[in-house]
Structure formats: C-alpha cells, structure tokens
Amino acid sequence: MIFFFIIFKIILGTNPFRVVIDENNCSFHGVPDYCHVIEKPMNLTWIREKVNARSYITLKEFHSDATLMIKNALLYNSDPANVYHLAAKEMNRKFKSLFKETLENLQQGKKK
C-alpha cells in the first residue's frame, strides 16, 4: 500500500486508475494516441459506477473490467521503468491477491 502512495505522489498525487480517458479527452490528458493504442478503455471510475448501478451480473464481469484496466495500463505504459507501469504491476499483484481471497471467502460461505 505504501508503494501506491509513493507512486501516486510522484505522478502529482492522483490515482491514475481513476482517470477517465476516452476519445474525447485523450489530448487533454497528454496522451493523444491513447485511443489508437487502447481499444477498450477502462478505469476505476467506470468500475465504481457499474458497481453502484449494480450493472455487474457476475463476479467474472467485474474481474474482466479490472483486469482490462490493468492490461491497458501495462500495454500503454510498456516501459518497465515508467511509474504508471510500476503502479499497474503493483495493482495487478494486489488485485490478484484480494480477488483470490474473496473467492475463497465466498466458497467457504457456501460450504457452511
């Protein structure tokens, strides 16, 4: 967790996974080629909106969006030394761990 705070402080104190980047604002965010590289943008803001709207029918749909967001970050920021790449790798590690724990808890709940 401390790693995230350090990385996000380096990138102006923002959480890059929350930033909505789409074809209308790529240039504004300084990434004019983003939508040419990334076919389907995804971010935590959209994921949160879908959770709040109860749009996810299955846990698999939620997992797909989260992994897409991470995959996009790793693809667009392919330099392993890039702070966004490092943040995406750490997000991926943490997400896998939390998702595995969640699945295990759900399975244990079904057994009771």
N, C-alpha and C. Protein backbone atom coordinates (compact mmCIF):
# COMPACT_ATOMS: atom_id res chain seq x y z
N MET A 1 0.82 -1.19 0.00
CA MET A 1 0.00 0.00 0.00
C MET A 1 0.87 1.26 0.00
N ILE A 2 1.92 1.24 0.76
CA ILE A 2 2.83 2.39 0.79
C ILE A 2 3.40 2.65 -0.60
N PHE A 3 3.66 1.58 -1.34
CA PHE A 3 4.18 1.71 -2.70
C PHE A 3 3.25 2.58 -3.53
N PHE A 4 1.93 2.35 -3.43
CA PHE A 4 0.97 3.14 -4.19
C PHE A 4 1.05 4.61 -3.83
N PHE A 5 1.14 4.91 -2.54
CA PHE A 5 1.21 6.30 -2.13
C PHE A 5 2.45 6.98 -2.70
N ILE A 6 3.56 6.27 -2.71
CA ILE A 6 4.80 6.82 -3.27
C ILE A 6 4.64 7.06 -4.76
N ILE A 7 4.14 6.05 -5.48
CA ILE A 7 3.97 6.17 -6.93
C ILE A 7 3.00 7.29 -7.26
N PHE A 8 1.86 7.36 -6.58
CA PHE A 8 0.86 8.38 -6.89
C PHE A 8 1.34 9.77 -6.51
N LYS A 9 2.16 9.86 -5.48
CA LYS A 9 2.72 11.16 -5.12
C LYS A 9 3.65 11.64 -6.24
N ILE A 10 4.39 10.72 -6.82
CA ILE A 10 5.29 11.04 -7.92
C ILE A 10 4.49 11.58 -9.11
N ILE A 11 3.33 11.02 -9.34
CA ILE A 11 2.52 11.43 -10.50
C ILE A 11 1.43 12.40 -10.06
N LEU A 12 1.86 13.43 -9.37
CA LEU A 12 1.04 14.57 -8.99
C LEU A 12 -0.09 14.25 -8.02
N GLY A 13 0.10 13.23 -7.21
CA GLY A 13 -0.86 12.93 -6.16
C GLY A 13 -2.20 12.40 -6.64
N THR A 14 -2.27 11.96 -7.87
CA THR A 14 -3.53 11.42 -8.38
C THR A 14 -3.48 9.91 -8.47
N ASN A 15 -4.62 9.30 -8.49
CA ASN A 15 -4.70 7.87 -8.73
C ASN A 15 -4.99 7.71 -10.22
N PRO A 16 -4.01 7.29 -11.01
CA PRO A 16 -4.21 7.22 -12.46
C PRO A 16 -5.27 6.21 -12.88
N PHE A 17 -5.59 5.27 -12.02
CA PHE A 17 -6.60 4.27 -12.36
C PHE A 17 -8.02 4.83 -12.29
N ARG A 18 -8.17 6.00 -11.67
CA ARG A 18 -9.49 6.64 -11.58
C ARG A 18 -9.75 7.58 -12.76
N VAL A 19 -8.71 7.99 -13.45
CA VAL A 19 -8.84 8.98 -14.52
C VAL A 19 -9.57 8.37 -15.72
N VAL A 20 -10.60 9.06 -16.16
CA VAL A 20 -11.36 8.64 -17.34
C VAL A 20 -10.66 9.20 -18.57
N ILE A 21 -10.16 8.31 -19.41
CA ILE A 21 -9.55 8.72 -20.67
C ILE A 21 -10.36 8.07 -21.78
N ASP A 22 -10.91 8.90 -22.64
CA ASP A 22 -11.66 8.39 -23.78
C ASP A 22 -11.30 9.20 -25.02
N GLU A 23 -11.93 8.89 -26.12
CA GLU A 23 -11.56 9.54 -27.38
C GLU A 23 -11.80 11.05 -27.36
N ASN A 24 -12.64 11.52 -26.45
CA ASN A 24 -12.93 12.96 -26.37
C ASN A 24 -11.89 13.75 -25.58
N ASN A 25 -11.11 13.08 -24.73
CA ASN A 25 -10.19 13.83 -23.88
C ASN A 25 -8.75 13.33 -23.87
N CYS A 26 -8.39 12.47 -24.79
CA CYS A 26 -7.02 11.93 -24.85
C CYS A 26 -5.98 13.05 -24.90
N SER A 27 -6.17 13.98 -25.78
CA SER A 27 -5.20 15.07 -25.94
C SER A 27 -5.12 15.92 -24.68
N PHE A 28 -6.26 16.19 -24.05
CA PHE A 28 -6.29 16.98 -22.82
C PHE A 28 -5.42 16.35 -21.74
N HIS A 29 -5.41 15.03 -21.68
CA HIS A 29 -4.63 14.30 -20.68
C HIS A 29 -3.18 14.06 -21.12
N GLY A 30 -2.82 14.59 -22.27
CA GLY A 30 -1.44 14.46 -22.73
C GLY A 30 -1.10 13.12 -23.35
N VAL A 31 -2.12 12.37 -23.75
CA VAL A 31 -1.91 11.07 -24.38
C VAL A 31 -2.74 10.97 -25.66
N PRO A 32 -2.41 11.78 -26.66
CA PRO A 32 -3.24 11.86 -27.86
C PRO A 32 -3.39 10.53 -28.62
N ASP A 33 -2.44 9.63 -28.45
CA ASP A 33 -2.51 8.35 -29.16
C ASP A 33 -3.15 7.24 -28.33
N TYR A 34 -3.60 7.55 -27.12
CA TYR A 34 -4.12 6.52 -26.21
C TYR A 34 -5.22 5.68 -26.86
N CYS A 35 -6.18 6.33 -27.47
CA CYS A 35 -7.31 5.60 -28.04
C CYS A 35 -6.96 4.87 -29.34
N HIS A 36 -5.79 5.16 -29.88
CA HIS A 36 -5.31 4.39 -31.03
C HIS A 36 -4.60 3.13 -30.58
N VAL A 37 -4.05 3.18 -29.37
CA VAL A 37 -3.33 2.03 -28.81
C VAL A 37 -4.28 1.15 -28.01
N ILE A 38 -5.15 1.75 -27.23
CA ILE A 38 -6.06 1.03 -26.34
C ILE A 38 -7.44 0.95 -26.99
N GLU A 39 -7.87 -0.27 -27.28
CA GLU A 39 -9.14 -0.47 -27.97
C GLU A 39 -10.35 -0.22 -27.07
N LYS A 40 -10.25 -0.65 -25.81
CA LYS A 40 -11.39 -0.52 -24.90
C LYS A 40 -10.88 0.05 -23.57
N PRO A 41 -10.96 1.37 -23.40
CA PRO A 41 -10.51 1.97 -22.14
C PRO A 41 -11.35 1.48 -20.95
N MET A 42 -10.70 1.43 -19.78
CA MET A 42 -11.39 1.06 -18.55
C MET A 42 -10.67 1.75 -17.41
N ASN A 43 -11.40 2.11 -16.36
CA ASN A 43 -10.81 2.80 -15.21
C ASN A 43 -11.66 2.54 -13.97
N LEU A 44 -11.12 2.89 -12.81
CA LEU A 44 -11.83 2.65 -11.56
C LEU A 44 -13.11 3.48 -11.44
N THR A 45 -13.15 4.63 -12.06
CA THR A 45 -14.36 5.45 -12.02
C THR A 45 -15.52 4.70 -12.68
N TRP A 46 -15.27 4.15 -13.86
CA TRP A 46 -16.33 3.41 -14.55
C TRP A 46 -16.69 2.14 -13.79
N ILE A 47 -15.68 1.47 -13.23
CA ILE A 47 -15.95 0.25 -12.46
C ILE A 47 -16.82 0.59 -11.25
N ARG A 48 -16.48 1.66 -10.54
CA ARG A 48 -17.28 2.07 -9.37
C ARG A 48 -18.71 2.40 -9.80
N GLU A 49 -18.87 3.10 -10.91
CA GLU A 49 -20.21 3.43 -11.40
C GLU A 49 -21.01 2.17 -11.68
N LYS A 50 -20.35 1.18 -12.28
CA LYS A 50 -21.04 -0.07 -12.59
C LYS A 50 -21.40 -0.84 -11.31
N VAL A 51 -20.52 -0.81 -10.32
CA VAL A 51 -20.82 -1.45 -9.04
C VAL A 51 -22.01 -0.76 -8.39
N ASN A 52 -21.96 0.57 -8.32
CA ASN A 52 -23.05 1.33 -7.69
C ASN A 52 -24.39 1.14 -8.41
N ALA A 53 -24.34 0.98 -9.72
CA ALA A 53 -25.56 0.78 -10.51
C ALA A 53 -25.98 -0.69 -10.54
N ARG A 54 -25.19 -1.53 -9.89
CA ARG A 54 -25.45 -2.98 -9.87
C ARG A 54 -25.52 -3.56 -11.28
N SER A 55 -24.62 -3.06 -12.13
CA SER A 55 -24.58 -3.50 -13.52
C SER A 55 -23.88 -4.84 -13.71
N TYR A 56 -23.02 -5.20 -12.77
CA TYR A 56 -22.34 -6.49 -12.88
C TYR A 56 -23.29 -7.60 -12.46
N ILE A 57 -23.49 -8.55 -13.34
CA ILE A 57 -24.34 -9.69 -13.03
C ILE A 57 -23.51 -10.79 -12.35
N THR A 58 -22.26 -10.91 -12.78
CA THR A 58 -21.39 -11.94 -12.23
C THR A 58 -20.07 -11.32 -11.74
N LEU A 59 -19.42 -12.04 -10.88
CA LEU A 59 -18.10 -11.62 -10.40
C LEU A 59 -17.10 -11.65 -11.56
N LYS A 60 -17.33 -12.54 -12.50
CA LYS A 60 -16.46 -12.64 -13.67
C LYS A 60 -16.47 -11.34 -14.48
N GLU A 61 -17.61 -10.68 -14.60
CA GLU A 61 -17.69 -9.41 -15.32
C GLU A 61 -16.86 -8.34 -14.63
N PHE A 62 -16.95 -8.29 -13.31
CA PHE A 62 -16.16 -7.35 -12.53
C PHE A 62 -14.67 -7.64 -12.74
N HIS A 63 -14.30 -8.91 -12.64
CA HIS A 63 -12.91 -9.32 -12.82
C HIS A 63 -12.40 -8.92 -14.20
N SER A 64 -13.23 -9.10 -15.21
CA SER A 64 -12.83 -8.76 -16.59
C SER A 64 -12.53 -7.27 -16.73
N ASP A 65 -13.36 -6.43 -16.15
CA ASP A 65 -13.12 -4.98 -16.23
C ASP A 65 -11.85 -4.58 -15.48
N ALA A 66 -11.66 -5.13 -14.30
CA ALA A 66 -10.46 -4.79 -13.52
C ALA A 66 -9.19 -5.26 -14.23
N THR A 67 -9.21 -6.45 -14.77
CA THR A 67 -8.02 -6.94 -15.46
C THR A 67 -7.79 -6.19 -16.77
N LEU A 68 -8.87 -5.77 -17.42
CA LEU A 68 -8.73 -4.95 -18.63
C LEU A 68 -8.05 -3.63 -18.30
N MET A 69 -8.46 -3.00 -17.22
CA MET A 69 -7.86 -1.74 -16.80
C MET A 69 -6.35 -1.90 -16.59
N ILE A 70 -5.97 -2.96 -15.91
CA ILE A 70 -4.55 -3.21 -15.63
C ILE A 70 -3.81 -3.54 -16.92
N LYS A 71 -4.40 -4.39 -17.75
CA LYS A 71 -3.79 -4.76 -19.04
C LYS A 71 -3.56 -3.52 -19.90
N ASN A 72 -4.55 -2.63 -19.94
CA ASN A 72 -4.41 -1.40 -20.72
C ASN A 72 -3.26 -0.55 -20.21
N ALA A 73 -3.16 -0.42 -18.89
CA ALA A 73 -2.08 0.40 -18.30
C ALA A 73 -0.72 -0.18 -18.63
N LEU A 74 -0.60 -1.50 -18.57
CA LEU A 74 0.68 -2.14 -18.88
C LEU A 74 1.01 -2.02 -20.37
N LEU A 75 0.01 -2.13 -21.21
CA LEU A 75 0.24 -2.02 -22.66
C LEU A 75 0.64 -0.60 -23.04
N TYR A 76 -0.11 0.38 -22.59
CA TYR A 76 0.18 1.76 -23.00
C TYR A 76 1.48 2.27 -22.38
N ASN A 77 1.76 1.86 -21.18
CA ASN A 77 2.98 2.28 -20.47
C ASN A 77 3.94 1.10 -20.42
N SER A 78 4.41 0.68 -21.57
CA SER A 78 5.16 -0.57 -21.68
C SER A 78 6.58 -0.52 -21.12
N ASP A 79 7.14 0.66 -20.93
CA ASP A 79 8.48 0.78 -20.36
C ASP A 79 8.44 0.33 -18.90
N PRO A 80 9.17 -0.72 -18.54
CA PRO A 80 9.14 -1.23 -17.16
C PRO A 80 9.56 -0.21 -16.10
N ALA A 81 10.23 0.86 -16.48
CA ALA A 81 10.65 1.88 -15.52
C ALA A 81 9.61 3.00 -15.38
N ASN A 82 8.60 3.01 -16.24
CA ASN A 82 7.55 4.03 -16.21
C ASN A 82 6.74 3.90 -14.92
N VAL A 83 6.47 5.03 -14.24
CA VAL A 83 5.76 4.97 -12.96
C VAL A 83 4.35 4.39 -13.12
N TYR A 84 3.69 4.63 -14.25
CA TYR A 84 2.37 4.06 -14.47
C TYR A 84 2.45 2.54 -14.65
N HIS A 85 3.50 2.10 -15.33
CA HIS A 85 3.73 0.66 -15.50
C HIS A 85 3.96 0.01 -14.13
N LEU A 86 4.79 0.63 -13.32
CA LEU A 86 5.08 0.11 -11.98
C LEU A 86 3.80 0.07 -11.14
N ALA A 87 3.00 1.12 -11.22
CA ALA A 87 1.75 1.16 -10.46
C ALA A 87 0.80 0.07 -10.95
N ALA A 88 0.74 -0.16 -12.25
CA ALA A 88 -0.14 -1.20 -12.81
C ALA A 88 0.32 -2.58 -12.36
N LYS A 89 1.62 -2.81 -12.33
CA LYS A 89 2.13 -4.10 -11.86
C LYS A 89 1.76 -4.34 -10.40
N GLU A 90 1.90 -3.30 -9.59
CA GLU A 90 1.54 -3.43 -8.18
C GLU A 90 0.03 -3.60 -8.02
N MET A 91 -0.74 -2.87 -8.80
CA MET A 91 -2.20 -3.02 -8.77
C MET A 91 -2.58 -4.45 -9.16
N ASN A 92 -1.94 -5.00 -10.15
CA ASN A 92 -2.20 -6.36 -10.60
C ASN A 92 -1.91 -7.36 -9.49
N ARG A 93 -0.77 -7.20 -8.84
CA ARG A 93 -0.39 -8.10 -7.74
C ARG A 93 -1.42 -8.04 -6.62
N LYS A 94 -1.77 -6.84 -6.22
CA LYS A 94 -2.73 -6.65 -5.13
C LYS A 94 -4.11 -7.15 -5.52
N PHE A 95 -4.55 -6.86 -6.74
CA PHE A 95 -5.87 -7.29 -7.19
C PHE A 95 -5.97 -8.81 -7.20
N LYS A 96 -4.96 -9.48 -7.73
CA LYS A 96 -4.98 -10.95 -7.77
C LYS A 96 -5.10 -11.53 -6.38
N SER A 97 -4.36 -10.98 -5.44
CA SER A 97 -4.39 -11.45 -4.07
C SER A 97 -5.77 -11.24 -3.43
N LEU A 98 -6.31 -10.04 -3.56
CA LEU A 98 -7.62 -9.75 -2.98
C LEU A 98 -8.75 -10.53 -3.65
N PHE A 99 -8.65 -10.71 -4.96
CA PHE A 99 -9.68 -11.45 -5.67
C PHE A 99 -9.66 -12.92 -5.26
N LYS A 100 -8.48 -13.47 -5.12
CA LYS A 100 -8.34 -14.86 -4.68
C LYS A 100 -8.93 -15.03 -3.28
N GLU A 101 -8.61 -14.10 -2.40
CA GLU A 101 -9.14 -14.13 -1.03
C GLU A 101 -10.67 -14.03 -1.04
N THR A 102 -11.21 -13.18 -1.88
CA THR A 102 -12.65 -13.01 -1.98
C THR A 102 -13.32 -14.30 -2.44
N LEU A 103 -12.75 -14.93 -3.47
CA LEU A 103 -13.31 -16.19 -3.96
C LEU A 103 -13.27 -17.27 -2.89
N GLU A 104 -12.17 -17.34 -2.16
CA GLU A 104 -12.05 -18.33 -1.09
C GLU A 104 -13.10 -18.09 0.00
N ASN A 105 -13.30 -16.83 0.36
CA ASN A 105 -14.31 -16.50 1.36
C ASN A 105 -15.72 -16.86 0.88
N LEU A 106 -15.99 -16.60 -0.38
CA LEU A 106 -17.30 -16.95 -0.93
C LEU A 106 -17.52 -18.45 -0.94
N GLN A 107 -16.48 -19.20 -1.29
CA GLN A 107 -16.58 -20.65 -1.31
C GLN A 107 -16.78 -21.22 0.09
N GLN A 108 -16.08 -20.65 1.06
CA GLN A 108 -16.25 -21.10 2.44
C GLN A 108 -17.66 -20.80 2.93
N GLY A 109 -18.19 -19.66 2.54
CA GLY A 109 -19.55 -19.29 2.92
C GLY A 109 -20.58 -20.25 2.38
N LYS A 110 -20.35 -20.76 1.18
CA LYS A 110 -21.28 -21.72 0.56
C LYS A 110 -21.24 -23.07 1.28
N LYS A 111 -20.08 -23.42 1.83
CA LYS A 111 -19.92 -24.71 2.50
C LYS A 111 -20.62 -24.75 3.85
N LYS A 112 -20.85 -23.59 4.45
CA LYS A 112 -21.47 -23.54 5.78
C LYS A 112 -22.95 -23.78 5.73
